[in-house]
Amino acid sequence: MAIIVGDIATSRDAERIAKFDVPTIQINTSGTCHLPVKMVSESIIDIDLDSIDLLFIENVGNLVCPTAEDLGEAHKIGVFN
């Protein structure tokens, strides 16, 4: 498993996940409320896709537009807290 973490400005979520020895890539969008596909495609080259079975892409953590962008994913999962 590996995770791409999206955030507007911080790396807190990625730091928390990385403590569990999960390969983690941080993307900061600098204020954009979603992960642009270009940022995801540029970051995915840092992951050895042949060595993982599951890649999670965590979008920016707000409810404004978190699932509208097509990132090439097989499934979308919304988690509400």
Protein backbone atom coordinates (compact mmCIF):
# COMPACT_ATOMS: atom_id res chain seq x y z
CA MET A 1 0.00 0.00 0.00
CA ALA A 2 1.07 3.59 -0.61
CA ILE A 3 -0.63 6.93 -0.06
CA ILE A 4 -0.59 10.28 -1.83
CA VAL A 5 -1.75 12.94 0.62
CA GLY A 6 -3.21 16.24 -0.53
CA ASP A 7 -3.29 19.37 1.60
CA ILE A 8 -3.59 23.08 0.99
CA ALA A 9 -0.54 24.02 3.06
CA THR A 10 0.66 21.50 5.66
CA SER A 11 2.13 18.00 5.78
CA ARG A 12 0.56 16.92 9.09
CA ASP A 13 -1.48 14.03 7.66
CA ALA A 14 1.48 12.67 5.70
CA GLU A 15 3.69 12.85 8.79
CA ARG A 16 1.12 10.91 10.84
CA ILE A 17 0.79 8.21 8.17
CA ALA A 18 4.54 7.89 7.54
CA LYS A 19 5.04 6.89 11.21
CA PHE A 20 3.50 3.53 10.24
CA ASP A 21 6.15 2.89 7.56
CA VAL A 22 3.66 3.38 4.75
CA PRO A 23 5.18 4.95 1.61
CA THR A 24 3.69 8.44 1.60
CA ILE A 25 3.93 11.30 -0.88
CA GLN A 26 2.84 14.80 0.17
CA ILE A 27 1.24 17.21 -2.31
CA ASN A 28 0.65 20.81 -1.26
CA THR A 29 -1.80 22.64 -3.51
CA SER A 30 -0.98 26.16 -2.25
CA GLY A 31 -4.62 27.05 -1.72
CA THR A 32 -6.36 25.00 -4.41
CA CYS A 33 -9.28 23.05 -2.95
CA HIS A 34 -8.59 19.88 -4.98
CA LEU A 35 -5.68 17.84 -6.27
CA PRO A 36 -4.99 18.73 -9.90
CA VAL A 37 -4.29 15.61 -11.97
CA LYS A 38 -0.95 17.10 -13.07
CA MET A 39 0.26 17.22 -9.44
CA VAL A 40 -0.80 13.61 -8.89
CA SER A 41 0.85 12.37 -12.08
CA GLU A 42 4.09 14.19 -11.19
CA SER A 43 4.14 12.72 -7.67
CA ILE A 44 3.24 9.16 -8.66
CA ILE A 45 6.63 8.68 -10.33
CA ASP A 46 8.15 8.62 -6.83
CA ILE A 47 6.21 5.44 -5.97
CA ASP A 48 7.31 1.95 -7.02
CA LEU A 49 3.93 0.89 -8.39
CA ASP A 50 5.15 -2.66 -9.06
CA SER A 51 5.69 -3.18 -5.33
CA ILE A 52 2.22 -2.13 -4.15
CA ASP A 53 -1.29 -3.52 -4.59
CA LEU A 54 -3.25 -0.49 -3.43
CA LEU A 55 -2.69 3.25 -3.86
CA PHE A 56 -4.78 5.69 -1.85
CA ILE A 57 -5.06 9.28 -3.01
CA GLU A 58 -6.29 11.51 -0.21
CA ASN A 59 -7.72 14.69 -1.66
CA VAL A 60 -7.64 18.05 0.05
CA GLY A 61 -9.61 17.75 3.29
CA ASN A 62 -12.59 19.98 2.71
CA LEU A 63 -16.06 19.39 1.32
CA VAL A 64 -16.05 22.14 -1.30
CA CYS A 65 -14.85 20.04 -4.25
CA PRO A 66 -13.03 16.93 -2.99
CA THR A 67 -14.37 14.33 -5.44
CA ALA A 68 -15.07 16.31 -8.61
CA GLU A 69 -11.65 15.87 -10.25
CA ASP A 70 -10.87 12.77 -12.33
CA LEU A 71 -7.50 11.43 -11.14
CA GLY A 72 -7.64 8.16 -13.07
CA GLU A 73 -8.83 6.27 -10.03
CA ALA A 74 -10.73 3.00 -10.12
CA HIS A 75 -13.02 4.00 -7.22
CA LYS A 76 -13.90 7.09 -5.20
CA ILE A 77 -14.62 6.84 -1.49
CA GLY A 78 -16.00 9.72 0.55
CA VAL A 79 -15.44 9.67 4.31
CA PHE A 80 -17.40 12.07 6.46
CA ASN A 81 -16.60 12.68 10.08
